[in-house]
Amino acid sequence: MPNFTLGPDFIKRTREITTKPIEVHLMIEQPEHFINLFRQTGADRLTIHAEATTNLQGTLASIQAAGMKAGVALNPATPLEVLDYVYDVVDYIVIMTVNPGFAGQAFIPAMYGKIAKLSMLLHERDLNIPIEVDGSMGAATIPKCKVAGARYFIGGTSSVYHPGKTLTENVNGTQMLINGNN
């Protein structure tokens, strides 16, 4: 069994205290083995990495068949072409703007172009698939990612858990960035 940072018990407990959608981002190999586990805990959205499975299309379809929204995360070096045959089974796309592994990494500037290119591809194909961004989301990056085409921003140490301010202050400041009131 993989080491889950915030595992099934955490998700189950969270589901007991909120009706908000819960998105789980699996950074494990063979995520197809854990789809039902996370569905049973109350997850609404399940994100898997394109590199983590040998059957990306089938795994995303299985997530949807389990009643969850299916998301695919792309590491910085993963080309957008891996999406060519899964657009029909993906509900959202997460562009990793840092290499997964640990908090506090610097944003990779080339990801602005990757977000913009994906946004353009989705528009050209007339697909309404939202782009999320994950990694070093804060005052310096959220506005530029938004301009590039991102619609959702996954907060961490650069925004909602930034030291020196309360969680409420950080959340309010991040919401202002997202809404363009910076």
N, C-alpha and C. Protein backbone atom coordinates (compact mmCIF):
# COMPACT_ATOMS: atom_id res chain seq x y z
N MET A 1 0.86 -1.19 0.00
CA MET A 1 0.00 0.00 0.00
C MET A 1 0.89 1.24 0.00
N PRO A 2 0.61 2.20 -0.91
CA PRO A 2 1.41 3.43 -0.96
C PRO A 2 1.21 4.27 0.30
N ASN A 3 2.13 5.17 0.51
CA ASN A 3 2.04 6.11 1.62
C ASN A 3 1.18 7.29 1.17
N PHE A 4 -0.01 7.42 1.71
CA PHE A 4 -0.90 8.53 1.38
C PHE A 4 -0.67 9.64 2.39
N THR A 5 -0.29 10.84 1.91
CA THR A 5 -0.06 11.95 2.82
C THR A 5 -1.34 12.30 3.56
N LEU A 6 -2.39 12.53 2.84
CA LEU A 6 -3.71 12.74 3.43
C LEU A 6 -4.57 11.63 2.85
N GLY A 7 -4.58 10.52 3.51
CA GLY A 7 -5.14 9.31 2.96
C GLY A 7 -6.64 9.16 3.08
N PRO A 8 -7.11 7.95 2.82
CA PRO A 8 -8.54 7.66 2.81
C PRO A 8 -9.26 8.04 4.11
N ASP A 9 -8.63 7.83 5.26
CA ASP A 9 -9.28 8.19 6.52
C ASP A 9 -9.52 9.69 6.62
N PHE A 10 -8.55 10.48 6.17
CA PHE A 10 -8.69 11.93 6.17
C PHE A 10 -9.84 12.36 5.26
N ILE A 11 -9.89 11.77 4.07
CA ILE A 11 -10.95 12.11 3.12
C ILE A 11 -12.31 11.74 3.70
N LYS A 12 -12.40 10.56 4.28
CA LYS A 12 -13.67 10.11 4.87
C LYS A 12 -14.13 11.06 5.98
N ARG A 13 -13.21 11.45 6.84
CA ARG A 13 -13.55 12.36 7.93
C ARG A 13 -13.95 13.74 7.39
N THR A 14 -13.26 14.20 6.38
CA THR A 14 -13.59 15.48 5.77
C THR A 14 -14.99 15.44 5.16
N ARG A 15 -15.32 14.34 4.49
CA ARG A 15 -16.65 14.19 3.88
C ARG A 15 -17.74 14.28 4.94
N GLU A 16 -17.46 13.81 6.15
CA GLU A 16 -18.46 13.85 7.23
C GLU A 16 -18.77 15.27 7.68
N ILE A 17 -17.87 16.20 7.43
CA ILE A 17 -18.07 17.56 7.95
C ILE A 17 -18.30 18.61 6.88
N THR A 18 -18.36 18.20 5.61
CA THR A 18 -18.59 19.19 4.55
C THR A 18 -19.39 18.58 3.40
N THR A 19 -20.11 19.46 2.72
CA THR A 19 -20.79 19.06 1.49
C THR A 19 -20.05 19.60 0.27
N LYS A 20 -18.96 20.31 0.52
CA LYS A 20 -18.15 20.85 -0.58
C LYS A 20 -17.54 19.69 -1.36
N PRO A 21 -17.32 19.90 -2.67
CA PRO A 21 -16.65 18.86 -3.46
C PRO A 21 -15.23 18.60 -2.95
N ILE A 22 -14.86 17.35 -2.89
CA ILE A 22 -13.52 16.97 -2.46
C ILE A 22 -12.75 16.42 -3.65
N GLU A 23 -11.63 17.07 -3.94
CA GLU A 23 -10.76 16.62 -5.02
C GLU A 23 -9.54 15.94 -4.42
N VAL A 24 -9.26 14.74 -4.88
CA VAL A 24 -8.10 13.98 -4.43
C VAL A 24 -7.11 13.89 -5.58
N HIS A 25 -5.88 14.27 -5.32
CA HIS A 25 -4.82 14.25 -6.32
C HIS A 25 -3.89 13.10 -5.95
N LEU A 26 -3.98 12.00 -6.71
CA LEU A 26 -3.15 10.84 -6.44
C LEU A 26 -1.81 10.98 -7.16
N MET A 27 -0.75 10.89 -6.40
CA MET A 27 0.60 10.93 -6.97
C MET A 27 1.25 9.57 -6.69
N ILE A 28 0.59 8.54 -7.23
CA ILE A 28 1.02 7.16 -7.01
C ILE A 28 1.00 6.41 -8.33
N GLU A 29 1.77 5.34 -8.39
CA GLU A 29 1.73 4.48 -9.56
C GLU A 29 0.52 3.57 -9.47
N GLN A 30 0.00 3.20 -10.61
CA GLN A 30 -1.16 2.33 -10.73
C GLN A 30 -2.37 2.84 -9.93
N PRO A 31 -2.77 4.09 -10.18
CA PRO A 31 -3.90 4.66 -9.45
C PRO A 31 -5.20 3.91 -9.68
N GLU A 32 -5.27 3.15 -10.77
CA GLU A 32 -6.49 2.39 -11.07
C GLU A 32 -6.87 1.43 -9.95
N HIS A 33 -5.90 1.04 -9.13
CA HIS A 33 -6.17 0.12 -8.02
C HIS A 33 -6.86 0.80 -6.84
N PHE A 34 -6.94 2.13 -6.85
CA PHE A 34 -7.45 2.87 -5.69
C PHE A 34 -8.69 3.70 -5.99
N ILE A 35 -9.24 3.56 -7.18
CA ILE A 35 -10.42 4.34 -7.57
C ILE A 35 -11.58 4.08 -6.61
N ASN A 36 -11.93 2.85 -6.40
CA ASN A 36 -13.07 2.53 -5.53
C ASN A 36 -12.82 2.93 -4.08
N LEU A 37 -11.59 2.78 -3.62
CA LEU A 37 -11.26 3.17 -2.25
C LEU A 37 -11.58 4.64 -2.03
N PHE A 38 -11.13 5.50 -2.95
CA PHE A 38 -11.37 6.93 -2.76
C PHE A 38 -12.82 7.32 -3.04
N ARG A 39 -13.50 6.59 -3.89
CA ARG A 39 -14.94 6.84 -4.08
C ARG A 39 -15.69 6.53 -2.81
N GLN A 40 -15.33 5.43 -2.16
CA GLN A 40 -16.00 5.03 -0.92
C GLN A 40 -15.76 6.02 0.21
N THR A 41 -14.66 6.75 0.17
CA THR A 41 -14.38 7.73 1.21
C THR A 41 -15.14 9.03 1.02
N GLY A 42 -15.72 9.20 -0.19
CA GLY A 42 -16.50 10.41 -0.44
C GLY A 42 -15.86 11.39 -1.39
N ALA A 43 -14.78 11.00 -2.06
CA ALA A 43 -14.15 11.90 -3.04
C ALA A 43 -15.10 12.14 -4.20
N ASP A 44 -15.11 13.38 -4.68
CA ASP A 44 -15.95 13.76 -5.83
C ASP A 44 -15.15 13.85 -7.11
N ARG A 45 -13.87 14.17 -6.96
CA ARG A 45 -12.99 14.38 -8.11
C ARG A 45 -11.69 13.65 -7.83
N LEU A 46 -11.20 12.93 -8.83
CA LEU A 46 -9.97 12.17 -8.66
C LEU A 46 -9.00 12.52 -9.78
N THR A 47 -7.83 13.04 -9.39
CA THR A 47 -6.79 13.43 -10.33
C THR A 47 -5.71 12.37 -10.32
N ILE A 48 -5.31 11.93 -11.52
CA ILE A 48 -4.20 10.99 -11.64
C ILE A 48 -3.15 11.59 -12.57
N HIS A 49 -1.93 11.16 -12.43
CA HIS A 49 -0.86 11.62 -13.31
C HIS A 49 -0.82 10.75 -14.56
N ALA A 50 -0.64 11.40 -15.70
CA ALA A 50 -0.58 10.68 -16.97
C ALA A 50 0.53 9.63 -16.94
N GLU A 51 1.61 9.93 -16.25
CA GLU A 51 2.77 9.04 -16.21
C GLU A 51 2.58 7.85 -15.27
N ALA A 52 1.52 7.86 -14.46
CA ALA A 52 1.39 6.89 -13.37
C ALA A 52 0.66 5.60 -13.75
N THR A 53 0.13 5.54 -14.97
CA THR A 53 -0.63 4.36 -15.38
C THR A 53 -0.27 4.00 -16.81
N THR A 54 -0.37 2.73 -17.12
CA THR A 54 -0.12 2.30 -18.50
C THR A 54 -1.38 2.36 -19.34
N ASN A 55 -2.51 2.68 -18.71
CA ASN A 55 -3.79 2.75 -19.42
C ASN A 55 -4.52 4.02 -19.00
N LEU A 56 -4.02 5.15 -19.45
CA LEU A 56 -4.59 6.44 -19.05
C LEU A 56 -6.06 6.55 -19.43
N GLN A 57 -6.39 6.22 -20.65
CA GLN A 57 -7.78 6.33 -21.11
C GLN A 57 -8.70 5.45 -20.26
N GLY A 58 -8.31 4.21 -20.05
CA GLY A 58 -9.14 3.28 -19.28
C GLY A 58 -9.29 3.69 -17.82
N THR A 59 -8.22 4.21 -17.24
CA THR A 59 -8.28 4.62 -15.84
C THR A 59 -9.18 5.84 -15.67
N LEU A 60 -9.07 6.81 -16.58
CA LEU A 60 -9.95 7.98 -16.51
C LEU A 60 -11.41 7.56 -16.70
N ALA A 61 -11.67 6.66 -17.64
CA ALA A 61 -13.04 6.17 -17.87
C ALA A 61 -13.56 5.45 -16.63
N SER A 62 -12.70 4.71 -15.94
CA SER A 62 -13.10 4.01 -14.71
C SER A 62 -13.45 4.98 -13.60
N ILE A 63 -12.71 6.08 -13.52
CA ILE A 63 -13.02 7.12 -12.51
C ILE A 63 -14.41 7.68 -12.78
N GLN A 64 -14.69 8.00 -14.04
CA GLN A 64 -16.02 8.52 -14.38
C GLN A 64 -17.10 7.47 -14.12
N ALA A 65 -16.84 6.22 -14.46
CA ALA A 65 -17.82 5.15 -14.24
C ALA A 65 -18.11 4.96 -12.75
N ALA A 66 -17.14 5.31 -11.90
CA ALA A 66 -17.33 5.22 -10.45
C ALA A 66 -18.12 6.41 -9.91
N GLY A 67 -18.48 7.35 -10.79
CA GLY A 67 -19.29 8.49 -10.38
C GLY A 67 -18.52 9.72 -9.96
N MET A 68 -17.21 9.76 -10.25
CA MET A 68 -16.39 10.92 -9.91
C MET A 68 -15.98 11.66 -11.17
N LYS A 69 -15.61 12.91 -11.01
CA LYS A 69 -15.00 13.67 -12.10
C LYS A 69 -13.55 13.17 -12.23
N ALA A 70 -13.11 13.01 -13.48
CA ALA A 70 -11.77 12.50 -13.75
C ALA A 70 -10.85 13.61 -14.20
N GLY A 71 -9.73 13.75 -13.50
CA GLY A 71 -8.73 14.75 -13.86
C GLY A 71 -7.41 14.09 -14.18
N VAL A 72 -6.69 14.70 -15.09
CA VAL A 72 -5.36 14.21 -15.43
C VAL A 72 -4.36 15.32 -15.15
N ALA A 73 -3.28 14.98 -14.44
CA ALA A 73 -2.22 15.92 -14.14
C ALA A 73 -1.04 15.65 -15.06
N LEU A 74 -0.45 16.73 -15.57
CA LEU A 74 0.72 16.62 -16.43
C LEU A 74 1.91 17.27 -15.74
N ASN A 75 2.98 16.50 -15.57
CA ASN A 75 4.22 17.04 -15.02
C ASN A 75 4.80 18.05 -16.01
N PRO A 76 5.71 18.93 -15.56
CA PRO A 76 6.25 19.96 -16.44
C PRO A 76 6.82 19.43 -17.76
N ALA A 77 7.49 18.31 -17.75
CA ALA A 77 8.12 17.80 -18.97
C ALA A 77 7.20 16.90 -19.80
N THR A 78 6.00 16.65 -19.32
CA THR A 78 5.08 15.80 -20.07
C THR A 78 4.43 16.60 -21.18
N PRO A 79 4.54 16.12 -22.42
CA PRO A 79 3.96 16.87 -23.55
C PRO A 79 2.43 16.82 -23.55
N LEU A 80 1.83 17.87 -24.08
CA LEU A 80 0.37 17.94 -24.16
C LEU A 80 -0.21 16.85 -25.05
N GLU A 81 0.58 16.29 -25.93
CA GLU A 81 0.10 15.26 -26.85
C GLU A 81 -0.43 14.02 -26.13
N VAL A 82 -0.04 13.81 -24.87
CA VAL A 82 -0.59 12.64 -24.15
C VAL A 82 -2.10 12.76 -23.96
N LEU A 83 -2.63 13.95 -24.15
CA LEU A 83 -4.06 14.18 -23.99
C LEU A 83 -4.86 13.87 -25.26
N ASP A 84 -4.19 13.71 -26.38
CA ASP A 84 -4.87 13.59 -27.66
C ASP A 84 -5.99 12.55 -27.70
N TYR A 85 -5.86 11.48 -26.98
CA TYR A 85 -6.85 10.41 -27.05
C TYR A 85 -7.63 10.22 -25.74
N VAL A 86 -7.59 11.22 -24.88
CA VAL A 86 -8.35 11.11 -23.62
C VAL A 86 -9.28 12.29 -23.37
N TYR A 87 -9.35 13.23 -24.29
CA TYR A 87 -10.23 14.38 -24.08
C TYR A 87 -11.67 13.96 -23.79
N ASP A 88 -12.10 12.86 -24.35
CA ASP A 88 -13.49 12.43 -24.16
C ASP A 88 -13.75 11.83 -22.78
N VAL A 89 -12.71 11.53 -22.01
CA VAL A 89 -12.89 10.95 -20.68
C VAL A 89 -12.20 11.76 -19.59
N VAL A 90 -11.92 13.02 -19.87
CA VAL A 90 -11.31 13.87 -18.86
C VAL A 90 -12.23 15.07 -18.59
N ASP A 91 -12.41 15.36 -17.31
CA ASP A 91 -13.28 16.46 -16.90
C ASP A 91 -12.50 17.74 -16.59
N TYR A 92 -11.22 17.61 -16.28
CA TYR A 92 -10.36 18.76 -16.01
C TYR A 92 -8.91 18.32 -16.16
N ILE A 93 -8.04 19.29 -16.41
CA ILE A 93 -6.62 19.01 -16.62
C ILE A 93 -5.82 19.85 -15.64
N VAL A 94 -4.89 19.22 -14.95
CA VAL A 94 -4.03 19.90 -14.00
C VAL A 94 -2.63 20.02 -14.60
N ILE A 95 -2.18 21.24 -14.78
CA ILE A 95 -0.82 21.48 -15.23
C ILE A 95 0.04 21.68 -13.99
N MET A 96 1.00 20.79 -13.81
CA MET A 96 1.95 20.93 -12.71
C MET A 96 2.97 21.98 -13.13
N THR A 97 3.14 23.00 -12.30
CA THR A 97 4.05 24.08 -12.63
C THR A 97 5.36 23.97 -11.85
N VAL A 98 5.48 22.90 -11.11
CA VAL A 98 6.72 22.50 -10.43
C VAL A 98 6.81 20.99 -10.62
N ASN A 99 7.98 20.44 -10.39
CA ASN A 99 8.11 18.99 -10.43
C ASN A 99 7.59 18.43 -9.12
N PRO A 100 6.64 17.49 -9.17
CA PRO A 100 6.04 16.97 -7.95
C PRO A 100 7.08 16.39 -6.99
N GLY A 101 6.79 16.55 -5.73
CA GLY A 101 7.67 15.94 -4.75
C GLY A 101 7.69 16.63 -3.41
N PHE A 102 7.83 17.96 -3.41
CA PHE A 102 7.87 18.65 -2.12
C PHE A 102 7.42 20.10 -2.28
N ALA A 103 6.95 20.66 -1.19
CA ALA A 103 6.43 22.03 -1.19
C ALA A 103 7.56 23.04 -1.25
N GLY A 104 7.21 24.23 -1.73
CA GLY A 104 8.15 25.34 -1.71
C GLY A 104 9.04 25.47 -2.92
N GLN A 105 8.80 24.69 -3.97
CA GLN A 105 9.62 24.79 -5.17
C GLN A 105 9.28 26.05 -5.96
N ALA A 106 10.23 26.48 -6.77
CA ALA A 106 10.03 27.66 -7.62
C ALA A 106 9.21 27.28 -8.85
N PHE A 107 8.32 28.17 -9.24
CA PHE A 107 7.51 28.03 -10.44
C PHE A 107 8.43 27.93 -11.66
N ILE A 108 8.09 27.04 -12.59
CA ILE A 108 8.86 26.90 -13.82
C ILE A 108 8.24 27.83 -14.87
N PRO A 109 8.91 28.92 -15.25
CA PRO A 109 8.31 29.93 -16.14
C PRO A 109 7.80 29.38 -17.47
N ALA A 110 8.39 28.32 -18.00
CA ALA A 110 7.92 27.76 -19.27
C ALA A 110 6.49 27.25 -19.17
N MET A 111 5.97 27.08 -17.96
CA MET A 111 4.62 26.56 -17.80
C MET A 111 3.55 27.57 -18.22
N TYR A 112 3.88 28.87 -18.23
CA TYR A 112 2.92 29.85 -18.73
C TYR A 112 2.59 29.52 -20.19
N GLY A 113 3.60 29.21 -20.97
CA GLY A 113 3.40 28.86 -22.37
C GLY A 113 2.64 27.55 -22.52
N LYS A 114 2.91 26.60 -21.66
CA LYS A 114 2.21 25.31 -21.72
C LYS A 114 0.73 25.49 -21.42
N ILE A 115 0.42 26.31 -20.43
CA ILE A 115 -0.97 26.60 -20.09
C ILE A 115 -1.66 27.28 -21.27
N ALA A 116 -0.99 28.28 -21.85
CA ALA A 116 -1.57 29.01 -22.99
C ALA A 116 -1.78 28.09 -24.19
N LYS A 117 -0.82 27.22 -24.44
CA LYS A 117 -0.95 26.28 -25.57
C LYS A 117 -2.12 25.33 -25.34
N LEU A 118 -2.24 24.81 -24.12
CA LEU A 118 -3.37 23.92 -23.82
C LEU A 118 -4.69 24.67 -23.96
N SER A 119 -4.74 25.88 -23.47
CA SER A 119 -5.96 26.68 -23.58
C SER A 119 -6.35 26.87 -25.04
N MET A 120 -5.37 27.14 -25.88
CA MET A 120 -5.61 27.32 -27.30
C MET A 120 -6.10 26.01 -27.94
N LEU A 121 -5.46 24.89 -27.59
CA LEU A 121 -5.88 23.58 -28.13
C LEU A 121 -7.32 23.25 -27.74
N LEU A 122 -7.67 23.51 -26.50
CA LEU A 122 -9.03 23.24 -26.04
C LEU A 122 -10.02 24.11 -26.79
N HIS A 123 -9.67 25.38 -26.99
CA HIS A 123 -10.54 26.30 -27.73
C HIS A 123 -10.71 25.84 -29.17
N GLU A 124 -9.60 25.46 -29.82
CA GLU A 124 -9.66 25.00 -31.21
C GLU A 124 -10.53 23.75 -31.37
N ARG A 125 -10.54 22.91 -30.36
CA ARG A 125 -11.32 21.66 -30.41
C ARG A 125 -12.73 21.86 -29.85
N ASP A 126 -13.05 23.10 -29.46
CA ASP A 126 -14.34 23.45 -28.89
C ASP A 126 -14.66 22.59 -27.66
N LEU A 127 -13.66 22.44 -26.80
CA LEU A 127 -13.80 21.65 -25.57
C LEU A 127 -13.84 22.59 -24.37
N ASN A 128 -14.80 22.38 -23.51
CA ASN A 128 -14.93 23.18 -22.29
C ASN A 128 -14.37 22.39 -21.11
N ILE A 129 -13.07 22.12 -21.15
CA ILE A 129 -12.39 21.39 -20.08
C ILE A 129 -11.55 22.40 -19.31
N PRO A 130 -11.85 22.61 -18.04
CA PRO A 130 -11.09 23.61 -17.29
C PRO A 130 -9.65 23.18 -17.02
N ILE A 131 -8.78 24.19 -16.98
CA ILE A 131 -7.38 23.98 -16.65
C ILE A 131 -7.15 24.42 -15.21
N GLU A 132 -6.55 23.52 -14.44
CA GLU A 132 -6.12 23.83 -13.08
C GLU A 132 -4.60 23.93 -13.10
N VAL A 133 -4.05 24.70 -12.18
CA VAL A 133 -2.59 24.76 -12.06
C VAL A 133 -2.21 24.46 -10.62
N ASP A 134 -1.11 23.74 -10.47
CA ASP A 134 -0.66 23.29 -9.16
C ASP A 134 0.84 23.46 -9.05
N GLY A 135 1.27 24.24 -8.08
CA GLY A 135 2.68 24.43 -7.82
C GLY A 135 3.07 25.89 -7.79
N SER A 136 3.45 26.37 -6.61
CA SER A 136 3.92 27.73 -6.43
C SER A 136 2.90 28.78 -6.88
N MET A 137 1.65 28.54 -6.52
CA MET A 137 0.58 29.49 -6.86
C MET A 137 0.53 30.60 -5.82
N GLY A 138 0.83 31.80 -6.23
CA GLY A 138 0.84 32.94 -5.34
C GLY A 138 0.70 34.24 -6.10
N ALA A 139 1.03 35.34 -5.45
CA ALA A 139 0.84 36.67 -6.03
C ALA A 139 1.59 36.85 -7.34
N ALA A 140 2.75 36.24 -7.48
CA ALA A 140 3.54 36.43 -8.69
C ALA A 140 3.08 35.54 -9.85
N THR A 141 2.33 34.48 -9.55
CA THR A 141 2.02 33.51 -10.59
C THR A 141 0.54 33.40 -10.95
N ILE A 142 -0.35 33.56 -10.00
CA ILE A 142 -1.79 33.39 -10.27
C ILE A 142 -2.27 34.31 -11.39
N PRO A 143 -1.99 35.62 -11.34
CA PRO A 143 -2.50 36.48 -12.42
C PRO A 143 -2.01 36.06 -13.81
N LYS A 144 -0.75 35.68 -13.93
CA LYS A 144 -0.19 35.29 -15.23
C LYS A 144 -0.78 33.95 -15.69
N CYS A 145 -0.99 33.02 -14.76
CA CYS A 145 -1.61 31.74 -15.13
C CYS A 145 -3.05 31.96 -15.58
N LYS A 146 -3.73 32.89 -14.93
CA LYS A 146 -5.11 33.20 -15.30
C LYS A 146 -5.16 33.77 -16.72
N VAL A 147 -4.27 34.68 -17.03
CA VAL A 147 -4.20 35.26 -18.38
C VAL A 147 -3.90 34.17 -19.41
N ALA A 148 -3.07 33.19 -19.04
CA ALA A 148 -2.70 32.11 -19.95
C ALA A 148 -3.85 31.14 -20.20
N GLY A 149 -4.86 31.14 -19.31
CA GLY A 149 -6.02 30.28 -19.54
C GLY A 149 -6.42 29.39 -18.39
N ALA A 150 -5.70 29.45 -17.27
CA ALA A 150 -6.06 28.63 -16.11
C ALA A 150 -7.33 29.16 -15.46
N ARG A 151 -8.18 28.24 -14.99
CA ARG A 151 -9.42 28.65 -14.32
C ARG A 151 -9.42 28.31 -12.83
N TYR A 152 -8.60 27.34 -12.43
CA TYR A 152 -8.55 26.92 -11.03
C TYR A 152 -7.10 26.88 -10.57
N PHE A 153 -6.89 27.19 -9.29
CA PHE A 153 -5.55 27.32 -8.75
C PHE A 153 -5.47 26.53 -7.44
N ILE A 154 -4.51 25.65 -7.36
CA ILE A 154 -4.36 24.81 -6.18
C ILE A 154 -3.36 25.49 -5.25
N GLY A 155 -3.86 25.91 -4.11
CA GLY A 155 -3.07 26.69 -3.17
C GLY A 155 -2.22 25.83 -2.27
N GLY A 156 -1.11 26.39 -1.87
CA GLY A 156 -0.19 25.71 -0.96
C GLY A 156 0.61 26.73 -0.19
N THR A 157 1.90 26.46 -0.03
CA THR A 157 2.76 27.32 0.78
C THR A 157 2.99 28.70 0.18
N SER A 158 2.73 28.86 -1.11
CA SER A 158 2.91 30.18 -1.74
C SER A 158 1.67 31.05 -1.63
N SER A 159 0.58 30.49 -1.12
CA SER A 159 -0.66 31.28 -1.05
C SER A 159 -1.40 31.03 0.25
N VAL A 160 -2.20 30.00 0.33
CA VAL A 160 -3.08 29.84 1.49
C VAL A 160 -2.36 29.43 2.76
N TYR A 161 -1.20 28.81 2.66
CA TYR A 161 -0.45 28.42 3.86
C TYR A 161 0.84 29.22 4.01
N HIS A 162 0.87 30.39 3.39
CA HIS A 162 2.05 31.25 3.44
C HIS A 162 2.27 31.73 4.88
N PRO A 163 3.49 31.61 5.38
CA PRO A 163 3.74 32.05 6.76
C PRO A 163 3.63 33.56 6.92
N GLY A 164 3.34 33.98 8.12
CA GLY A 164 3.29 35.41 8.43
C GLY A 164 1.90 35.99 8.47
N LYS A 165 0.92 35.26 7.94
CA LYS A 165 -0.46 35.73 7.98
C LYS A 165 -1.34 34.57 8.42
N THR A 166 -2.55 34.91 8.83
CA THR A 166 -3.48 33.86 9.22
C THR A 166 -4.01 33.15 7.98
N LEU A 167 -4.58 31.98 8.18
CA LEU A 167 -5.18 31.24 7.08
C LEU A 167 -6.27 32.07 6.41
N THR A 168 -7.09 32.74 7.21
CA THR A 168 -8.16 33.58 6.67
C THR A 168 -7.59 34.70 5.81
N GLU A 169 -6.55 35.37 6.30
CA GLU A 169 -5.93 36.44 5.52
C GLU A 169 -5.37 35.90 4.20
N ASN A 170 -4.71 34.76 4.27
CA ASN A 170 -4.13 34.16 3.06
C ASN A 170 -5.20 33.76 2.07
N VAL A 171 -6.28 33.15 2.54
CA VAL A 171 -7.37 32.74 1.65
C VAL A 171 -8.00 33.96 1.01
N ASN A 172 -8.27 34.98 1.80
CA ASN A 172 -8.86 36.21 1.25
C ASN A 172 -7.94 36.85 0.22
N GLY A 173 -6.65 36.90 0.50
CA GLY A 173 -5.70 37.47 -0.45
C GLY A 173 -5.62 36.66 -1.74
N THR A 174 -5.67 35.35 -1.62
CA THR A 174 -5.63 34.48 -2.81
C THR A 174 -6.90 34.65 -3.63
N GLN A 175 -8.05 34.75 -2.96
CA GLN A 175 -9.30 34.97 -3.68
C GLN A 175 -9.27 36.30 -4.43
N MET A 176 -8.67 37.31 -3.83
CA MET A 176 -8.56 38.61 -4.51
C MET A 176 -7.68 38.49 -5.76
N LEU A 177 -6.61 37.73 -5.67
CA LEU A 177 -5.75 37.50 -6.86
C LEU A 177 -6.53 36.81 -7.97
N ILE A 178 -7.27 35.77 -7.60
CA ILE A 178 -8.02 35.00 -8.58
C ILE A 178 -9.12 35.85 -9.23
N ASN A 179 -9.75 36.69 -8.42
CA ASN A 179 -10.84 37.52 -8.92
C ASN A 179 -10.35 38.80 -9.60
N GLY A 180 -9.04 39.01 -9.61
CA GLY A 180 -8.48 40.18 -10.27
C GLY A 180 -8.50 41.44 -9.46
N ASN A 181 -8.64 41.32 -8.15
CA ASN A 181 -8.70 42.49 -7.28
C ASN A 181 -7.39 42.66 -6.52
N ASN A 182 -6.26 42.50 -7.21
CA ASN A 182 -5.00 42.55 -6.49
C ASN A 182 -4.50 43.95 -6.43
